[in-house]
Amino acid sequence: MSPAPTHSELAATMSTHREAVSREMSDLAKRGLIEKRGSRLLLHDVSALRALVDKKE
């Protein structure tokens, strides 16, 4: 995605706190699923991201 939404924008969309979004984004980056490059958000493994969403629903 380019430009990537801010953590605050994502938090407002999901009715949560920016800090929670920051923690989750950091975890996803450590797993190699996403990467922030400048103002872009790169999704490295969409299937794995979908599996995480499905698991939480």
PDB file of N, CA and C in Angstrom:
ATOM      1  N   MET A   1       0.846  -1.179   0.000  1.00  0.00           N
ATOM      2  CA  MET A   1       0.000   0.000   0.000  1.00  0.00           C
ATOM      3  C   MET A   1       0.882   1.230   0.000  1.00  0.00           C
ATOM      4  N   SER A   2       0.489   2.200  -0.737  1.00  0.00           N
ATOM      5  CA  SER A   2       1.261   3.427  -0.765  1.00  0.00           C
ATOM      6  C   SER A   2       0.334   4.603  -0.997  1.00  0.00           C
ATOM      7  N   PRO A   3       0.320   5.611  -0.173  1.00  0.00           N
ATOM      8  CA  PRO A   3       1.014   5.669   1.112  1.00  0.00           C
ATOM      9  C   PRO A   3       0.270   4.832   2.152  1.00  0.00           C
ATOM     10  N   ALA A   4       1.029   4.278   3.062  1.00  0.00           N
ATOM     11  CA  ALA A   4       0.448   3.452   4.112  1.00  0.00           C
ATOM     12  C   ALA A   4      -0.346   4.315   5.079  1.00  0.00           C
ATOM     13  N   PRO A   5      -1.468   3.793   5.592  1.00  0.00           N
ATOM     14  CA  PRO A   5      -2.196   4.549   6.618  1.00  0.00           C
ATOM     15  C   PRO A   5      -1.348   4.637   7.884  1.00  0.00           C
ATOM     16  N   THR A   6      -1.548   5.695   8.638  1.00  0.00           N
ATOM     17  CA  THR A   6      -0.813   5.831   9.898  1.00  0.00           C
ATOM     18  C   THR A   6      -1.397   4.875  10.931  1.00  0.00           C
ATOM     19  N   HIS A   7      -0.638   4.640  11.970  1.00  0.00           N
ATOM     20  CA  HIS A   7      -1.135   3.780  13.052  1.00  0.00           C
ATOM     21  C   HIS A   7      -2.381   4.401  13.678  1.00  0.00           C
ATOM     22  N   SER A   8      -2.410   5.711  13.782  1.00  0.00           N
ATOM     23  CA  SER A   8      -3.577   6.402  14.345  1.00  0.00           C
ATOM     24  C   SER A   8      -4.805   6.207  13.450  1.00  0.00           C
ATOM     25  N   GLU A   9      -4.620   6.297  12.138  1.00  0.00           N
ATOM     26  CA  GLU A   9      -5.735   6.082  11.213  1.00  0.00           C
ATOM     27  C   GLU A   9      -6.262   4.653  11.298  1.00  0.00           C
ATOM     28  N   LEU A  10      -5.354   3.697  11.370  1.00  0.00           N
ATOM     29  CA  LEU A  10      -5.780   2.298  11.507  1.00  0.00           C
ATOM     30  C   LEU A  10      -6.522   2.088  12.825  1.00  0.00           C
ATOM     31  N   ALA A  11      -5.998   2.662  13.893  1.00  0.00           N
ATOM     32  CA  ALA A  11      -6.626   2.515  15.206  1.00  0.00           C
ATOM     33  C   ALA A  11      -8.043   3.080  15.191  1.00  0.00           C
ATOM     34  N   ALA A  12      -8.230   4.232  14.585  1.00  0.00           N
ATOM     35  CA  ALA A  12      -9.561   4.843  14.522  1.00  0.00           C
ATOM     36  C   ALA A  12     -10.525   3.966  13.728  1.00  0.00           C
ATOM     37  N   THR A  13     -10.039   3.351  12.664  1.00  0.00           N
ATOM     38  CA  THR A  13     -10.868   2.473  11.837  1.00  0.00           C
ATOM     39  C   THR A  13     -11.324   1.241  12.622  1.00  0.00           C
ATOM     40  N   MET A  14     -10.457   0.757  13.519  1.00  0.00           N
ATOM     41  CA  MET A  14     -10.743  -0.476  14.254  1.00  0.00           C
ATOM     42  C   MET A  14     -11.194  -0.230  15.687  1.00  0.00           C
ATOM     43  N   SER A  15     -11.421   1.030  16.048  1.00  0.00           N
ATOM     44  CA  SER A  15     -11.850   1.386  17.411  1.00  0.00           C
ATOM     45  C   SER A  15     -10.909   0.826  18.469  1.00  0.00           C
ATOM     46  N   THR A  16      -9.633   1.082  18.290  1.00  0.00           N
ATOM     47  CA  THR A  16      -8.635   0.650  19.260  1.00  0.00           C
ATOM     48  C   THR A  16      -7.635   1.788  19.466  1.00  0.00           C
ATOM     49  N   HIS A  17      -6.556   1.514  20.167  1.00  0.00           N
ATOM     50  CA  HIS A  17      -5.541   2.522  20.453  1.00  0.00           C
ATOM     51  C   HIS A  17      -4.372   2.394  19.489  1.00  0.00           C
ATOM     52  N   ARG A  18      -3.722   3.510  19.228  1.00  0.00           N
ATOM     53  CA  ARG A  18      -2.562   3.523  18.342  1.00  0.00           C
ATOM     54  C   ARG A  18      -1.485   2.570  18.844  1.00  0.00           C
ATOM     55  N   GLU A  19      -1.310   2.485  20.159  1.00  0.00           N
ATOM     56  CA  GLU A  19      -0.287   1.618  20.735  1.00  0.00           C
ATOM     57  C   GLU A  19      -0.537   0.154  20.393  1.00  0.00           C
ATOM     58  N   ALA A  20      -1.803  -0.254  20.392  1.00  0.00           N
ATOM     59  CA  ALA A  20      -2.145  -1.637  20.049  1.00  0.00           C
ATOM     60  C   ALA A  20      -1.809  -1.923  18.585  1.00  0.00           C
ATOM     61  N   VAL A  21      -2.099  -0.962  17.723  1.00  0.00           N
ATOM     62  CA  VAL A  21      -1.766  -1.117  16.303  1.00  0.00           C
ATOM     63  C   VAL A  21      -0.252  -1.202  16.136  1.00  0.00           C
ATOM     64  N   SER A  22       0.478  -0.367  16.833  1.00  0.00           N
ATOM     65  CA  SER A  22       1.944  -0.382  16.753  1.00  0.00           C
ATOM     66  C   SER A  22       2.507  -1.733  17.171  1.00  0.00           C
ATOM     67  N   ARG A  23       1.980  -2.296  18.249  1.00  0.00           N
ATOM     68  CA  ARG A  23       2.450  -3.617  18.711  1.00  0.00           C
ATOM     69  C   ARG A  23       2.179  -4.692  17.663  1.00  0.00           C
ATOM     70  N   GLU A  24       0.968  -4.695  17.110  1.00  0.00           N
ATOM     71  CA  GLU A  24       0.608  -5.704  16.106  1.00  0.00           C
ATOM     72  C   GLU A  24       1.441  -5.557  14.836  1.00  0.00           C
ATOM     73  N   MET A  25       1.634  -4.309  14.383  1.00  0.00           N
ATOM     74  CA  MET A  25       2.424  -4.073  13.175  1.00  0.00           C
ATOM     75  C   MET A  25       3.866  -4.522  13.401  1.00  0.00           C
ATOM     76  N   SER A  26       4.399  -4.256  14.578  1.00  0.00           N
ATOM     77  CA  SER A  26       5.756  -4.676  14.908  1.00  0.00           C
ATOM     78  C   SER A  26       5.863  -6.197  14.891  1.00  0.00           C
ATOM     79  N   ASP A  27       4.872  -6.874  15.457  1.00  0.00           N
ATOM     80  CA  ASP A  27       4.852  -8.339  15.473  1.00  0.00           C
ATOM     81  C   ASP A  27       4.789  -8.896  14.048  1.00  0.00           C
ATOM     82  N   LEU A  28       3.939  -8.320  13.212  1.00  0.00           N
ATOM     83  CA  LEU A  28       3.826  -8.775  11.824  1.00  0.00           C
ATOM     84  C   LEU A  28       5.131  -8.556  11.061  1.00  0.00           C
ATOM     85  N   ALA A  29       5.806  -7.457  11.347  1.00  0.00           N
ATOM     86  CA  ALA A  29       7.092  -7.181  10.697  1.00  0.00           C
ATOM     87  C   ALA A  29       8.152  -8.188  11.161  1.00  0.00           C
ATOM     88  N   LYS A  30       8.176  -8.505  12.449  1.00  0.00           N
ATOM     89  CA  LYS A  30       9.140  -9.483  12.968  1.00  0.00           C
ATOM     90  C   LYS A  30       8.924 -10.853  12.350  1.00  0.00           C
ATOM     91  N   ARG A  31       7.666 -11.182  12.029  1.00  0.00           N
ATOM     92  CA  ARG A  31       7.341 -12.458  11.386  1.00  0.00           C
ATOM     93  C   ARG A  31       7.658 -12.448   9.889  1.00  0.00           C
ATOM     94  N   GLY A  32       8.011 -11.271   9.367  1.00  0.00           N
ATOM     95  CA  GLY A  32       8.330 -11.157   7.949  1.00  0.00           C
ATOM     96  C   GLY A  32       7.121 -11.060   7.041  1.00  0.00           C
ATOM     97  N   LEU A  33       5.957 -10.759   7.626  1.00  0.00           N
ATOM     98  CA  LEU A  33       4.725 -10.701   6.835  1.00  0.00           C
ATOM     99  C   LEU A  33       4.509  -9.336   6.193  1.00  0.00           C
ATOM    100  N   ILE A  34       5.010  -8.292   6.853  1.00  0.00           N
ATOM    101  CA  ILE A  34       4.877  -6.930   6.317  1.00  0.00           C
ATOM    102  C   ILE A  34       6.202  -6.202   6.471  1.00  0.00           C
ATOM    103  N   GLU A  35       6.327  -5.109   5.746  1.00  0.00           N
ATOM    104  CA  GLU A  35       7.516  -4.269   5.858  1.00  0.00           C
ATOM    105  C   GLU A  35       7.122  -2.837   5.538  1.00  0.00           C
ATOM    106  N   LYS A  36       7.557  -1.922   6.373  1.00  0.00           N
ATOM    107  CA  LYS A  36       7.335  -0.494   6.120  1.00  0.00           C
ATOM    108  C   LYS A  36       8.574   0.030   5.423  1.00  0.00           C
ATOM    109  N   ARG A  37       8.388   0.582   4.240  1.00  0.00           N
ATOM    110  CA  ARG A  37       9.503   1.132   3.466  1.00  0.00           C
ATOM    111  C   ARG A  37       9.134   2.552   3.060  1.00  0.00           C
ATOM    112  N   GLY A  38       9.674   3.527   3.799  1.00  0.00           N
ATOM    113  CA  GLY A  38       9.298   4.913   3.555  1.00  0.00           C
ATOM    114  C   GLY A  38       7.832   5.101   3.889  1.00  0.00           C
ATOM    115  N   SER A  39       7.054   5.591   2.945  1.00  0.00           N
ATOM    116  CA  SER A  39       5.616   5.774   3.169  1.00  0.00           C
ATOM    117  C   SER A  39       4.803   4.594   2.654  1.00  0.00           C
ATOM    118  N   ARG A  40       5.495   3.547   2.237  1.00  0.00           N
ATOM    119  CA  ARG A  40       4.813   2.371   1.686  1.00  0.00           C
ATOM    120  C   ARG A  40       4.737   1.238   2.700  1.00  0.00           C
ATOM    121  N   LEU A  41       3.682   0.469   2.616  1.00  0.00           N
ATOM    122  CA  LEU A  41       3.528  -0.737   3.419  1.00  0.00           C
ATOM    123  C   LEU A  41       3.533  -1.916   2.463  1.00  0.00           C
ATOM    124  N   LEU A  42       4.531  -2.776   2.592  1.00  0.00           N
ATOM    125  CA  LEU A  42       4.650  -3.942   1.720  1.00  0.00           C
ATOM    126  C   LEU A  42       4.088  -5.160   2.428  1.00  0.00           C
ATOM    127  N   LEU A  43       3.212  -5.869   1.756  1.00  0.00           N
ATOM    128  CA  LEU A  43       2.639  -7.107   2.285  1.00  0.00           C
ATOM    129  C   LEU A  43       3.376  -8.265   1.636  1.00  0.00           C
ATOM    130  N   HIS A  44       4.184  -8.984   2.418  1.00  0.00           N
ATOM    131  CA  HIS A  44       5.025 -10.042   1.878  1.00  0.00           C
ATOM    132  C   HIS A  44       4.301 -11.379   1.748  1.00  0.00           C
ATOM    133  N   ASP A  45       3.343 -11.642   2.612  1.00  0.00           N
ATOM    134  CA  ASP A  45       2.669 -12.940   2.586  1.00  0.00           C
ATOM    135  C   ASP A  45       1.183 -12.745   2.889  1.00  0.00           C
ATOM    136  N   VAL A  46       0.425 -12.441   1.856  1.00  0.00           N
ATOM    137  CA  VAL A  46      -1.005 -12.158   2.014  1.00  0.00           C
ATOM    138  C   VAL A  46      -1.746 -13.393   2.526  1.00  0.00           C
ATOM    139  N   SER A  47      -1.355 -14.568   2.073  1.00  0.00           N
ATOM    140  CA  SER A  47      -2.013 -15.805   2.534  1.00  0.00           C
ATOM    141  C   SER A  47      -1.851 -15.994   4.040  1.00  0.00           C
ATOM    142  N   ALA A  48      -0.662 -15.737   4.543  1.00  0.00           N
ATOM    143  CA  ALA A  48      -0.417 -15.872   5.985  1.00  0.00           C
ATOM    144  C   ALA A  48      -1.185 -14.810   6.762  1.00  0.00           C
ATOM    145  N   LEU A  49      -1.271 -13.601   6.224  1.00  0.00           N
ATOM    146  CA  LEU A  49      -2.060 -12.554   6.873  1.00  0.00           C
ATOM    147  C   LEU A  49      -3.528 -12.949   6.924  1.00  0.00           C
ATOM    148  N   ARG A  50      -4.051 -13.491   5.826  1.00  0.00           N
ATOM    149  CA  ARG A  50      -5.450 -13.945   5.776  1.00  0.00           C
ATOM    150  C   ARG A  50      -5.684 -15.053   6.799  1.00  0.00           C
ATOM    151  N   ALA A  51      -4.739 -15.969   6.923  1.00  0.00           N
ATOM    152  CA  ALA A  51      -4.868 -17.059   7.894  1.00  0.00           C
ATOM    153  C   ALA A  51      -4.941 -16.510   9.322  1.00  0.00           C
ATOM    154  N   LEU A  52      -4.160 -15.476   9.620  1.00  0.00           N
ATOM    155  CA  LEU A  52      -4.220 -14.857  10.942  1.00  0.00           C
ATOM    156  C   LEU A  52      -5.581 -14.231  11.187  1.00  0.00           C
ATOM    157  N   VAL A  53      -6.125 -13.567  10.190  1.00  0.00           N
ATOM    158  CA  VAL A  53      -7.454 -12.946  10.325  1.00  0.00           C
ATOM    159  C   VAL A  53      -8.511 -14.022  10.550  1.00  0.00           C
ATOM    160  N   ASP A  54      -8.466 -15.065   9.747  1.00  0.00           N
ATOM    161  CA  ASP A  54      -9.445 -16.150   9.864  1.00  0.00           C
ATOM    162  C   ASP A  54      -9.364 -16.825  11.233  1.00  0.00           C
ATOM    163  N   LYS A  55      -8.156 -16.958  11.757  1.00  0.00           N
ATOM    164  CA  LYS A  55      -7.933 -17.594  13.063  1.00  0.00           C
ATOM    165  C   LYS A  55      -8.574 -16.757  14.189  1.00  0.00           C
ATOM    166  N   LYS A  56      -8.520 -15.429  14.061  1.00  0.00           N
ATOM    167  CA  LYS A  56      -9.033 -14.549  15.100  1.00  0.00           C
ATOM    168  C   LYS A  56     -10.538 -14.352  15.033  1.00  0.00           C
ATOM    169  N   GLU A  57     -11.149 -14.707  13.915  1.00  0.00           N
ATOM    170  CA  GLU A  57     -12.610 -14.502  13.776  1.00  0.00           C
ATOM    171  C   GLU A  57     -13.396 -15.604  14.397  1.00  0.00           C
TER     172      GLU A  57
END
